[in-house]
PDB file of N, CA and C in Angstrom:
ATOM      1  N   MET A   1     -12.033  74.031  23.304  1.00  0.00           N
ATOM      2  CA  MET A   1     -11.282  72.854  22.804  1.00  0.00           C
ATOM      3  C   MET A   1     -12.085  72.934  21.369  1.00  0.00           C
ATOM      4  N   ASN A   2     -11.048  72.984  20.296  1.00  0.00           N
ATOM      5  CA  ASN A   2     -11.628  72.967  18.833  1.00  0.00           C
ATOM      6  C   ASN A   2     -11.478  71.314  18.522  1.00  0.00           C
ATOM      7  N   ASN A   3     -12.298  71.115  17.828  1.00  0.00           N
ATOM      8  CA  ASN A   3     -12.321  69.340  17.357  1.00  0.00           C
ATOM      9  C   ASN A   3     -12.287  69.155  15.898  1.00  0.00           C
ATOM     10  N   LYS A   4     -11.641  70.430  15.222  1.00  0.00           N
ATOM     11  CA  LYS A   4     -11.786  70.279  13.796  1.00  0.00           C
ATOM     12  C   LYS A   4     -10.390  69.405  13.512  1.00  0.00           C
ATOM     13  N   ILE A   5     -10.708  68.605  12.611  1.00  0.00           N
ATOM     14  CA  ILE A   5      -9.665  67.541  12.146  1.00  0.00           C
ATOM     15  C   ILE A   5      -8.905  67.995  10.651  1.00  0.00           C
ATOM     16  N   ILE A   6      -8.093  67.905  10.526  1.00  0.00           N
ATOM     17  CA  ILE A   6      -7.065  68.201   9.460  1.00  0.00           C
ATOM     18  C   ILE A   6      -6.611  66.863   8.708  1.00  0.00           C
ATOM     19  N   GLU A   7      -7.215  66.962   7.336  1.00  0.00           N
ATOM     20  CA  GLU A   7      -7.190  66.013   6.381  1.00  0.00           C
ATOM     21  C   GLU A   7      -5.850  66.327   5.717  1.00  0.00           C
ATOM     22  N   LEU A   8      -4.621  65.496   6.020  1.00  0.00           N
ATOM     23  CA  LEU A   8      -3.604  65.886   5.301  1.00  0.00           C
ATOM     24  C   LEU A   8      -3.606  64.813   4.009  1.00  0.00           C
ATOM     25  N   ILE A   9      -3.239  65.364   2.930  1.00  0.00           N
ATOM     26  CA  ILE A   9      -3.244  64.601   1.592  1.00  0.00           C
ATOM     27  C   ILE A   9      -1.760  64.640   0.893  1.00  0.00           C
ATOM     28  N   THR A  10      -1.147  63.800  -0.074  1.00  0.00           N
ATOM     29  CA  THR A  10       0.269  63.989  -0.312  1.00  0.00           C
ATOM     30  C   THR A  10       0.283  65.249  -1.327  1.00  0.00           C
ATOM     31  N   ASP A  11      -0.754  66.023  -1.474  1.00  0.00           N
ATOM     32  CA  ASP A  11      -0.535  67.317  -2.449  1.00  0.00           C
ATOM     33  C   ASP A  11      -0.583  68.417  -1.434  1.00  0.00           C
ATOM     34  N   SER A  12      -0.780  68.143   0.082  1.00  0.00           N
ATOM     35  CA  SER A  12      -0.717  69.120   1.137  1.00  0.00           C
ATOM     36  C   SER A  12       0.658  69.876   1.235  1.00  0.00           C
ATOM     37  N   LYS A  13       0.907  70.921   1.200  1.00  0.00           N
ATOM     38  CA  LYS A  13       2.052  71.579   1.159  1.00  0.00           C
ATOM     39  C   LYS A  13       2.306  72.289   2.726  1.00  0.00           C
ATOM     40  N   ILE A  14       3.551  71.587   3.105  1.00  0.00           N
ATOM     41  CA  ILE A  14       3.669  71.869   4.573  1.00  0.00           C
ATOM     42  C   ILE A  14       5.272  72.430   4.698  1.00  0.00           C
ATOM     43  N   THR A  15       5.250  73.455   5.573  1.00  0.00           N
ATOM     44  CA  THR A  15       6.598  74.020   5.858  1.00  0.00           C
ATOM     45  C   THR A  15       6.787  74.061   7.081  1.00  0.00           C
ATOM     46  N   ILE A  16       8.080  73.886   7.659  1.00  0.00           N
ATOM     47  CA  ILE A  16       8.313  74.281   9.035  1.00  0.00           C
ATOM     48  C   ILE A  16       9.610  75.010   8.951  1.00  0.00           C
ATOM     49  N   SER A  17       9.671  75.944  10.074  1.00  0.00           N
ATOM     50  CA  SER A  17      10.570  76.889  10.294  1.00  0.00           C
ATOM     51  C   SER A  17      10.867  76.841  11.779  1.00  0.00           C
ATOM     52  N   LEU A  18      12.122  77.314  12.153  1.00  0.00           N
ATOM     53  CA  LEU A  18      12.542  77.617  13.821  1.00  0.00           C
ATOM     54  C   LEU A  18      12.485  79.208  13.792  1.00  0.00           C
ATOM     55  N   GLN A  19      11.666  79.733  14.467  1.00  0.00           N
ATOM     56  CA  GLN A  19      11.561  80.996  14.645  1.00  0.00           C
ATOM     57  C   GLN A  19      11.726  81.632  16.384  1.00  0.00           C
ATOM     58  N   GLY A  20      11.943  82.909  16.493  1.00  0.00           N
ATOM     59  CA  GLY A  20      11.858  83.607  17.549  1.00  0.00           C
ATOM     60  C   GLY A  20      13.362  83.658  18.043  1.00  0.00           C
ATOM     61  N   GLY A  21      13.382  83.852  19.424  1.00  0.00           N
ATOM     62  CA  GLY A  21      14.685  84.689  19.870  1.00  0.00           C
ATOM     63  C   GLY A  21      14.960  86.110  19.606  1.00  0.00           C
ATOM     64  N   PHE A  22      15.963  86.534  20.494  1.00  0.00           N
ATOM     65  CA  PHE A  22      16.754  87.977  20.464  1.00  0.00           C
ATOM     66  C   PHE A  22      17.723  87.901  19.373  1.00  0.00           C
ATOM     67  N   ALA A  23      18.416  86.796  19.315  1.00  0.00           N
ATOM     68  CA  ALA A  23      19.565  86.907  18.450  1.00  0.00           C
ATOM     69  C   ALA A  23      19.358  86.313  17.291  1.00  0.00           C
ATOM     70  N   ALA A  24      19.480  86.935  15.969  1.00  0.00           N
ATOM     71  CA  ALA A  24      19.174  86.193  14.742  1.00  0.00           C
ATOM     72  C   ALA A  24      20.319  85.425  14.343  1.00  0.00           C
ATOM     73  N   THR A  25      19.721  84.216  13.898  1.00  0.00           N
ATOM     74  CA  THR A  25      20.648  83.034  13.381  1.00  0.00           C
ATOM     75  C   THR A  25      20.669  83.003  12.016  1.00  0.00           C
ATOM     76  N   PRO A  26      21.701  82.989  11.011  1.00  0.00           N
ATOM     77  CA  PRO A  26      21.587  83.023   9.550  1.00  0.00           C
ATOM     78  C   PRO A  26      21.134  81.535   9.592  1.00  0.00           C
ATOM     79  N   GLY A  27      19.709  81.772   8.467  1.00  0.00           N
ATOM     80  CA  GLY A  27      19.411  80.095   7.991  1.00  0.00           C
ATOM     81  C   GLY A  27      18.499  79.627   9.108  1.00  0.00           C
ATOM     82  N   LEU A  28      18.240  79.980  10.297  1.00  0.00           N
ATOM     83  CA  LEU A  28      17.476  79.432  11.304  1.00  0.00           C
ATOM     84  C   LEU A  28      16.108  79.498  10.854  1.00  0.00           C
ATOM     85  N   SER A  29      15.369  80.865  10.431  1.00  0.00           N
ATOM     86  CA  SER A  29      14.045  80.912  10.187  1.00  0.00           C
ATOM     87  C   SER A  29      13.898  80.339   8.609  1.00  0.00           C
ATOM     88  N   GLN A  30      14.675  79.731   7.935  1.00  0.00           N
ATOM     89  CA  GLN A  30      14.343  79.426   6.744  1.00  0.00           C
ATOM     90  C   GLN A  30      13.228  78.268   6.229  1.00  0.00           C
ATOM     91  N   ASP A  31      12.389  78.549   5.583  1.00  0.00           N
ATOM     92  CA  ASP A  31      11.305  77.367   5.537  1.00  0.00           C
ATOM     93  C   ASP A  31      11.845  75.974   5.072  1.00  0.00           C
ATOM     94  N   LYS A  32      11.472  74.884   5.855  1.00  0.00           N
ATOM     95  CA  LYS A  32      12.065  73.889   4.971  1.00  0.00           C
ATOM     96  C   LYS A  32      10.616  73.046   4.799  1.00  0.00           C
ATOM     97  N   THR A  33      10.632  72.268   3.489  1.00  0.00           N
ATOM     98  CA  THR A  33       9.331  71.745   3.049  1.00  0.00           C
ATOM     99  C   THR A  33       9.288  70.150   3.638  1.00  0.00           C
ATOM    100  N   VAL A  34       8.199  69.876   4.313  1.00  0.00           N
ATOM    101  CA  VAL A  34       7.905  68.644   4.879  1.00  0.00           C
ATOM    102  C   VAL A  34       7.331  67.716   3.674  1.00  0.00           C
ATOM    103  N   ASN A  35       7.812  66.785   3.245  1.00  0.00           N
ATOM    104  CA  ASN A  35       7.381  65.857   2.108  1.00  0.00           C
ATOM    105  C   ASN A  35       6.825  64.772   2.975  1.00  0.00           C
ATOM    106  N   LEU A  36       5.567  64.651   2.752  1.00  0.00           N
ATOM    107  CA  LEU A  36       4.942  63.654   3.636  1.00  0.00           C
ATOM    108  C   LEU A  36       5.062  62.201   3.042  1.00  0.00           C
ATOM    109  N   LYS A  37       5.395  62.079   1.694  1.00  0.00           N
ATOM    110  CA  LYS A  37       5.932  60.872   1.139  1.00  0.00           C
ATOM    111  C   LYS A  37       7.026  60.240   1.711  1.00  0.00           C
ATOM    112  N   SER A  38       8.035  61.119   2.487  1.00  0.00           N
ATOM    113  CA  SER A  38       9.265  60.726   2.948  1.00  0.00           C
ATOM    114  C   SER A  38       8.887  60.073   4.172  1.00  0.00           C
ATOM    115  N   LEU A  39       7.842  60.518   4.801  1.00  0.00           N
ATOM    116  CA  LEU A  39       7.565  59.871   6.348  1.00  0.00           C
ATOM    117  C   LEU A  39       6.864  58.563   6.246  1.00  0.00           C
ATOM    118  N   SER A  40       7.734  57.705   7.147  1.00  0.00           N
ATOM    119  CA  SER A  40       6.982  56.194   7.419  1.00  0.00           C
ATOM    120  C   SER A  40       5.473  56.422   7.766  1.00  0.00           C
ATOM    121  N   PRO A  41       4.734  55.434   7.612  1.00  0.00           N
ATOM    122  CA  PRO A  41       3.247  55.584   8.189  1.00  0.00           C
ATOM    123  C   PRO A  41       3.216  55.943   9.834  1.00  0.00           C
ATOM    124  N   HIS A  42       4.290  55.465  10.496  1.00  0.00           N
ATOM    125  CA  HIS A  42       4.119  55.630  11.883  1.00  0.00           C
ATOM    126  C   HIS A  42       4.475  57.255  12.169  1.00  0.00           C
ATOM    127  N   GLN A  43       5.640  57.604  11.319  1.00  0.00           N
ATOM    128  CA  GLN A  43       6.023  58.995  11.440  1.00  0.00           C
ATOM    129  C   GLN A  43       4.794  59.878  11.123  1.00  0.00           C
ATOM    130  N   LYS A  44       4.179  59.776  10.185  1.00  0.00           N
ATOM    131  CA  LYS A  44       3.055  60.468   9.725  1.00  0.00           C
ATOM    132  C   LYS A  44       1.914  60.573  10.642  1.00  0.00           C
ATOM    133  N   GLN A  45       1.770  59.302  11.356  1.00  0.00           N
ATOM    134  CA  GLN A  45       0.827  59.260  12.414  1.00  0.00           C
ATOM    135  C   GLN A  45       1.083  59.982  13.517  1.00  0.00           C
ATOM    136  N   LEU A  46       2.326  59.948  13.914  1.00  0.00           N
ATOM    137  CA  LEU A  46       2.753  60.916  15.042  1.00  0.00           C
ATOM    138  C   LEU A  46       2.784  62.447  14.742  1.00  0.00           C
ATOM    139  N   PHE A  47       2.947  62.861  13.417  1.00  0.00           N
ATOM    140  CA  PHE A  47       2.863  63.889  12.967  1.00  0.00           C
ATOM    141  C   PHE A  47       1.768  64.628  12.921  1.00  0.00           C
ATOM    142  N   VAL A  48       0.349  63.930  12.485  1.00  0.00           N
ATOM    143  CA  VAL A  48      -0.765  64.484  12.537  1.00  0.00           C
ATOM    144  C   VAL A  48      -1.345  64.311  13.757  1.00  0.00           C
ATOM    145  N   GLN A  49      -1.093  63.500  14.926  1.00  0.00           N
ATOM    146  CA  GLN A  49      -1.301  63.439  16.152  1.00  0.00           C
ATOM    147  C   GLN A  49      -0.919  64.663  16.811  1.00  0.00           C
ATOM    148  N   ALA A  50       0.301  65.132  16.607  1.00  0.00           N
ATOM    149  CA  ALA A  50       1.185  66.527  17.198  1.00  0.00           C
ATOM    150  C   ALA A  50       0.148  67.444  16.591  1.00  0.00           C
ATOM    151  N   ILE A  51      -0.254  67.616  15.450  1.00  0.00           N
ATOM    152  CA  ILE A  51      -0.680  68.611  14.745  1.00  0.00           C
ATOM    153  C   ILE A  51      -2.320  68.882  15.466  1.00  0.00           C
ATOM    154  N   GLU A  52      -3.071  67.666  15.557  1.00  0.00           N
ATOM    155  CA  GLU A  52      -4.492  67.641  15.940  1.00  0.00           C
ATOM    156  C   GLU A  52      -4.273  68.052  17.680  1.00  0.00           C
ATOM    157  N   ARG A  53      -3.196  67.823  18.476  1.00  0.00           N
ATOM    158  CA  ARG A  53      -3.007  67.970  19.776  1.00  0.00           C
ATOM    159  C   ARG A  53      -2.878  69.478  19.805  1.00  0.00           C
ATOM    160  N   ASN A  54      -2.032  69.973  19.130  1.00  0.00           N
ATOM    161  CA  ASN A  54      -1.752  71.543  19.302  1.00  0.00           C
ATOM    162  C   ASN A  54      -3.176  72.315  18.755  1.00  0.00           C
ATOM    163  N   PHE A  55      -3.757  71.515  17.634  1.00  0.00           N
ATOM    164  CA  PHE A  55      -4.923  72.592  17.141  1.00  0.00           C
ATOM    165  C   PHE A  55      -5.923  72.224  18.442  1.00  0.00           C
ATOM    166  N   SER A  56      -6.371  71.493  19.006  1.00  0.00           N
ATOM    167  CA  SER A  56      -7.182  71.456  20.237  1.00  0.00           C
ATOM    168  C   SER A  56      -6.876  71.853  21.306  1.00  0.00           C
ATOM    169  N   ASP A  57      -5.432  72.176  21.838  1.00  0.00           N
ATOM    170  CA  ASP A  57      -5.256  72.596  22.829  1.00  0.00           C
ATOM    171  C   ASP A  57      -4.784  74.090  22.685  1.00  0.00           C
ATOM    172  N   SER A  58      -4.899  74.919  23.842  1.00  0.00           N
ATOM    173  CA  SER A  58      -4.737  76.095  23.669  1.00  0.00           C
ATOM    174  C   SER A  58      -3.168  76.450  24.409  1.00  0.00           C
ATOM    175  N   MET A  59      -2.225  76.766  23.787  1.00  0.00           N
ATOM    176  CA  MET A  59      -0.863  76.796  24.043  1.00  0.00           C
ATOM    177  C   MET A  59      -0.698  77.863  24.743  1.00  0.00           C
ATOM    178  N   PRO A  60      -0.231  78.025  25.689  1.00  0.00           N
ATOM    179  CA  PRO A  60       0.287  79.291  26.891  1.00  0.00           C
ATOM    180  C   PRO A  60       1.347  79.853  26.244  1.00  0.00           C
ATOM    181  N   LEU A  61       1.327  81.112  26.238  1.00  0.00           N
ATOM    182  CA  LEU A  61       2.427  82.063  25.658  1.00  0.00           C
ATOM    183  C   LEU A  61       3.684  81.757  26.658  1.00  0.00           C
ATOM    184  N   SER A  62       4.785  81.685  25.996  1.00  0.00           N
ATOM    185  CA  SER A  62       5.972  81.458  26.892  1.00  0.00           C
ATOM    186  C   SER A  62       6.456  82.580  27.727  1.00  0.00           C
ATOM    187  N   PRO A  63       6.915  82.226  28.802  1.00  0.00           N
ATOM    188  CA  PRO A  63       7.232  83.410  29.917  1.00  0.00           C
ATOM    189  C   PRO A  63       8.684  83.785  29.530  1.00  0.00           C
ATOM    190  N   CYS A  64       9.349  83.241  28.548  1.00  0.00           N
ATOM    191  CA  CYS A  64      10.536  83.582  28.008  1.00  0.00           C
ATOM    192  C   CYS A  64      10.245  84.188  26.410  1.00  0.00           C
ATOM    193  N   PRO A  65      10.531  85.678  26.339  1.00  0.00           N
ATOM    194  CA  PRO A  65      10.133  86.168  25.342  1.00  0.00           C
ATOM    195  C   PRO A  65      11.397  85.921  24.011  1.00  0.00           C
ATOM    196  N   ASP A  66      12.268  85.347  24.498  1.00  0.00           N
ATOM    197  CA  ASP A  66      13.341  85.071  23.544  1.00  0.00           C
ATOM    198  C   ASP A  66      13.430  83.399  23.149  1.00  0.00           C
ATOM    199  N   GLN A  67      12.544  82.915  23.534  1.00  0.00           N
ATOM    200  CA  GLN A  67      12.297  81.521  23.084  1.00  0.00           C
ATOM    201  C   GLN A  67      11.914  81.197  21.643  1.00  0.00           C
ATOM    202  N   HIS A  68      12.703  80.027  21.177  1.00  0.00           N
ATOM    203  CA  HIS A  68      12.694  79.943  19.835  1.00  0.00           C
ATOM    204  C   HIS A  68      11.177  78.834  19.856  1.00  0.00           C
ATOM    205  N   TYR A  69      10.873  78.678  18.753  1.00  0.00           N
ATOM    206  CA  TYR A  69       9.683  77.944  18.419  1.00  0.00           C
ATOM    207  C   TYR A  69       9.574  77.500  17.048  1.00  0.00           C
ATOM    208  N   TYR A  70       8.738  76.353  16.822  1.00  0.00           N
ATOM    209  CA  TYR A  70       8.481  75.623  15.370  1.00  0.00           C
ATOM    210  C   TYR A  70       7.360  76.537  14.986  1.00  0.00           C
ATOM    211  N   LEU A  71       7.337  76.949  13.722  1.00  0.00           N
ATOM    212  CA  LEU A  71       6.097  77.214  13.059  1.00  0.00           C
ATOM    213  C   LEU A  71       6.015  76.426  11.755  1.00  0.00           C
ATOM    214  N   LEU A  72       4.705  75.769  11.839  1.00  0.00           N
ATOM    215  CA  LEU A  72       4.493  74.896  10.740  1.00  0.00           C
ATOM    216  C   LEU A  72       3.266  75.698   9.990  1.00  0.00           C
ATOM    217  N   TYR A  73       3.333  75.588   8.598  1.00  0.00           N
ATOM    218  CA  TYR A  73       2.401  76.354   7.706  1.00  0.00           C
ATOM    219  C   TYR A  73       1.912  74.988   6.899  1.00  0.00           C
ATOM    220  N   ILE A  74       0.625  75.146   6.956  1.00  0.00           N
ATOM    221  CA  ILE A  74      -0.001  73.980   6.166  1.00  0.00           C
ATOM    222  C   ILE A  74      -1.002  74.526   5.245  1.00  0.00           C
ATOM    223  N   ILE A  75      -0.993  74.027   3.829  1.00  0.00           N
ATOM    224  CA  ILE A  75      -2.108  74.320   2.963  1.00  0.00           C
ATOM    225  C   ILE A  75      -2.475  72.921   2.751  1.00  0.00           C
ATOM    226  N   THR A  76      -3.783  72.562   2.706  1.00  0.00           N
ATOM    227  CA  THR A  76      -4.494  71.475   2.153  1.00  0.00           C
ATOM    228  C   THR A  76      -5.900  71.742   1.627  1.00  0.00           C
ATOM    229  N   GLY A  77      -6.012  71.265   0.344  1.00  0.00           N
ATOM    230  CA  GLY A  77      -7.191  71.858  -0.158  1.00  0.00           C
ATOM    231  C   GLY A  77      -7.427  73.374  -0.303  1.00  0.00           C
ATOM    232  N   ASN A  78      -8.429  73.734   0.416  1.00  0.00           N
ATOM    233  CA  ASN A  78      -8.593  75.453   0.332  1.00  0.00           C
ATOM    234  C   ASN A  78      -8.360  75.721   1.759  1.00  0.00           C
ATOM    235  N   GLU A  79      -7.777  74.996   2.620  1.00  0.00           N
ATOM    236  CA  GLU A  79      -7.501  75.568   4.023  1.00  0.00           C
ATOM    237  C   GLU A  79      -5.945  75.818   4.365  1.00  0.00           C
ATOM    238  N   GLU A  80      -5.994  76.633   5.176  1.00  0.00           N
ATOM    239  CA  GLU A  80      -4.358  76.932   5.653  1.00  0.00           C
ATOM    240  C   GLU A  80      -4.371  76.999   7.075  1.00  0.00           C
ATOM    241  N   TYR A  81      -3.490  76.397   7.670  1.00  0.00           N
ATOM    242  CA  TYR A  81      -2.914  76.346   9.028  1.00  0.00           C
ATOM    243  C   TYR A  81      -1.821  76.774   9.428  1.00  0.00           C
ATOM    244  N   HIS A  82      -1.846  77.168  10.793  1.00  0.00           N
ATOM    245  CA  HIS A  82      -0.480  77.702  11.365  1.00  0.00           C
ATOM    246  C   HIS A  82      -0.431  77.041  12.556  1.00  0.00           C
ATOM    247  N   PHE A  83       0.715  76.354  12.711  1.00  0.00           N
ATOM    248  CA  PHE A  83       0.727  75.913  14.087  1.00  0.00           C
ATOM    249  C   PHE A  83       2.001  76.152  15.078  1.00  0.00           C
ATOM    250  N   ILE A  84       2.068  76.306  15.974  1.00  0.00           N
ATOM    251  CA  ILE A  84       3.301  76.890  17.034  1.00  0.00           C
ATOM    252  C   ILE A  84       3.706  75.899  18.061  1.00  0.00           C
ATOM    253  N   PHE A  85       4.849  75.376  17.992  1.00  0.00           N
ATOM    254  CA  PHE A  85       5.296  74.576  19.152  1.00  0.00           C
ATOM    255  C   PHE A  85       6.489  75.188  19.493  1.00  0.00           C
ATOM    256  N   PRO A  86       6.460  75.402  21.059  1.00  0.00           N
ATOM    257  CA  PRO A  86       7.834  75.952  21.681  1.00  0.00           C
ATOM    258  C   PRO A  86       8.878  75.069  21.698  1.00  0.00           C
ATOM    259  N   GLU A  87      10.223  75.545  21.192  1.00  0.00           N
ATOM    260  CA  GLU A  87      10.979  74.409  20.529  1.00  0.00           C
ATOM    261  C   GLU A  87      11.364  73.587  21.895  1.00  0.00           C
ATOM    262  N   LEU A  88      11.038  73.877  23.217  1.00  0.00           N
ATOM    263  CA  LEU A  88      11.510  73.179  24.218  1.00  0.00           C
ATOM    264  C   LEU A  88      10.662  71.983  24.750  1.00  0.00           C
ATOM    265  N   ASP A  89       9.224  72.252  24.206  1.00  0.00           N
ATOM    266  CA  ASP A  89       8.100  71.466  24.146  1.00  0.00           C
ATOM    267  C   ASP A  89       7.493  70.948  23.094  1.00  0.00           C
ATOM    268  N   ALA A  90       8.226  71.030  22.021  1.00  0.00           N
ATOM    269  CA  ALA A  90       7.946  70.290  20.755  1.00  0.00           C
ATOM    270  C   ALA A  90       7.750  68.871  20.906  1.00  0.00           C
ATOM    271  N   PRO A  91       6.727  68.254  20.222  1.00  0.00           N
ATOM    272  CA  PRO A  91       6.837  66.848  20.044  1.00  0.00           C
ATOM    273  C   PRO A  91       8.180  66.302  19.259  1.00  0.00           C
ATOM    274  N   GLU A  92       8.635  65.138  19.655  1.00  0.00           N
ATOM    275  CA  GLU A  92       9.488  64.688  18.928  1.00  0.00           C
ATOM    276  C   GLU A  92       9.817  64.440  17.740  1.00  0.00           C
ATOM    277  N   ILE A  93       8.464  64.220  16.970  1.00  0.00           N
ATOM    278  CA  ILE A  93       8.265  63.967  15.635  1.00  0.00           C
ATOM    279  C   ILE A  93       8.582  65.477  14.845  1.00  0.00           C
ATOM    280  N   ILE A  94       8.259  66.431  15.424  1.00  0.00           N
ATOM    281  CA  ILE A  94       8.833  67.649  14.838  1.00  0.00           C
ATOM    282  C   ILE A  94       9.992  67.954  14.937  1.00  0.00           C
ATOM    283  N   THR A  95      10.719  67.857  15.921  1.00  0.00           N
ATOM    284  CA  THR A  95      12.190  67.947  15.862  1.00  0.00           C
ATOM    285  C   THR A  95      12.952  67.026  15.178  1.00  0.00           C
ATOM    286  N   GLN A  96      12.365  65.618  14.736  1.00  0.00           N
ATOM    287  CA  GLN A  96      12.958  64.964  14.019  1.00  0.00           C
ATOM    288  C   GLN A  96      12.967  65.321  12.499  1.00  0.00           C
ATOM    289  N   ILE A  97      11.845  65.637  12.205  1.00  0.00           N
ATOM    290  CA  ILE A  97      11.639  66.150  10.911  1.00  0.00           C
ATOM    291  C   ILE A  97      12.506  67.338  10.667  1.00  0.00           C
ATOM    292  N   TRP A  98      12.562  68.445  11.678  1.00  0.00           N
ATOM    293  CA  TRP A  98      13.314  69.437  11.527  1.00  0.00           C
ATOM    294  C   TRP A  98      14.684  69.072  11.251  1.00  0.00           C
ATOM    295  N   ASP A  99      15.326  68.222  12.182  1.00  0.00           N
ATOM    296  CA  ASP A  99      16.753  67.954  12.106  1.00  0.00           C
ATOM    297  C   ASP A  99      17.049  67.058  10.762  1.00  0.00           C
ATOM    298  N   ALA A 100      15.884  66.196  10.222  1.00  0.00           N
ATOM    299  CA  ALA A 100      16.140  65.659   8.983  1.00  0.00           C
ATOM    300  C   ALA A 100      16.421  66.590   7.788  1.00  0.00           C
ATOM    301  N   SER A 101      15.517  67.706   7.944  1.00  0.00           N
ATOM    302  CA  SER A 101      15.646  68.774   6.925  1.00  0.00           C
ATOM    303  C   SER A 101      16.676  69.323   6.801  1.00  0.00           C
ATOM    304  N   LYS A 102      17.352  69.516   8.127  1.00  0.00           N
ATOM    305  CA  LYS A 102      18.726  70.157   8.303  1.00  0.00           C
ATOM    306  C   LYS A 102      19.897  69.398   7.504  1.00  0.00           C
ATOM    307  N   LYS A 103      19.647  68.255   7.544  1.00  0.00           N
ATOM    308  CA  LYS A 103      20.685  67.234   6.804  1.00  0.00           C
ATOM    309  C   LYS A 103      20.237  66.949   5.508  1.00  0.00           C
ATOM    310  N   GLY A 104      19.357  67.744   5.013  1.00  0.00           N
ATOM    311  CA  GLY A 104      18.733  67.329   3.453  1.00  0.00           C
ATOM    312  C   GLY A 104      17.874  66.306   3.249  1.00  0.00           C
ATOM    313  N   GLY A 105      17.260  65.632   4.432  1.00  0.00           N
ATOM    314  CA  GLY A 105      16.759  64.327   4.342  1.00  0.00           C
ATOM    315  C   GLY A 105      15.278  64.491   4.362  1.00  0.00           C
TER     316      GLY A 105
END
């Protein structure tokens, strides 16, 4: 288990995309920017908790090679991080952020 904590600041660059699967879906893997300022304090807390849980847990590989997954790419300060959340097991806050970004929100 890794106990590193990521400090997200308002200048952190965060992108999310939905990847994977055998069938390519146009627009599916396009990066969408996560604006921390647009999240409520509660949403930001849930987002940070999801990342910290993913960072400390080793996620098993999916038995389904065609499964979609959310890919988060975070640049904060001089640090870069990548996080993978299987679509079906992703924390609700991740799917909420993805759905909001699809609607332009």
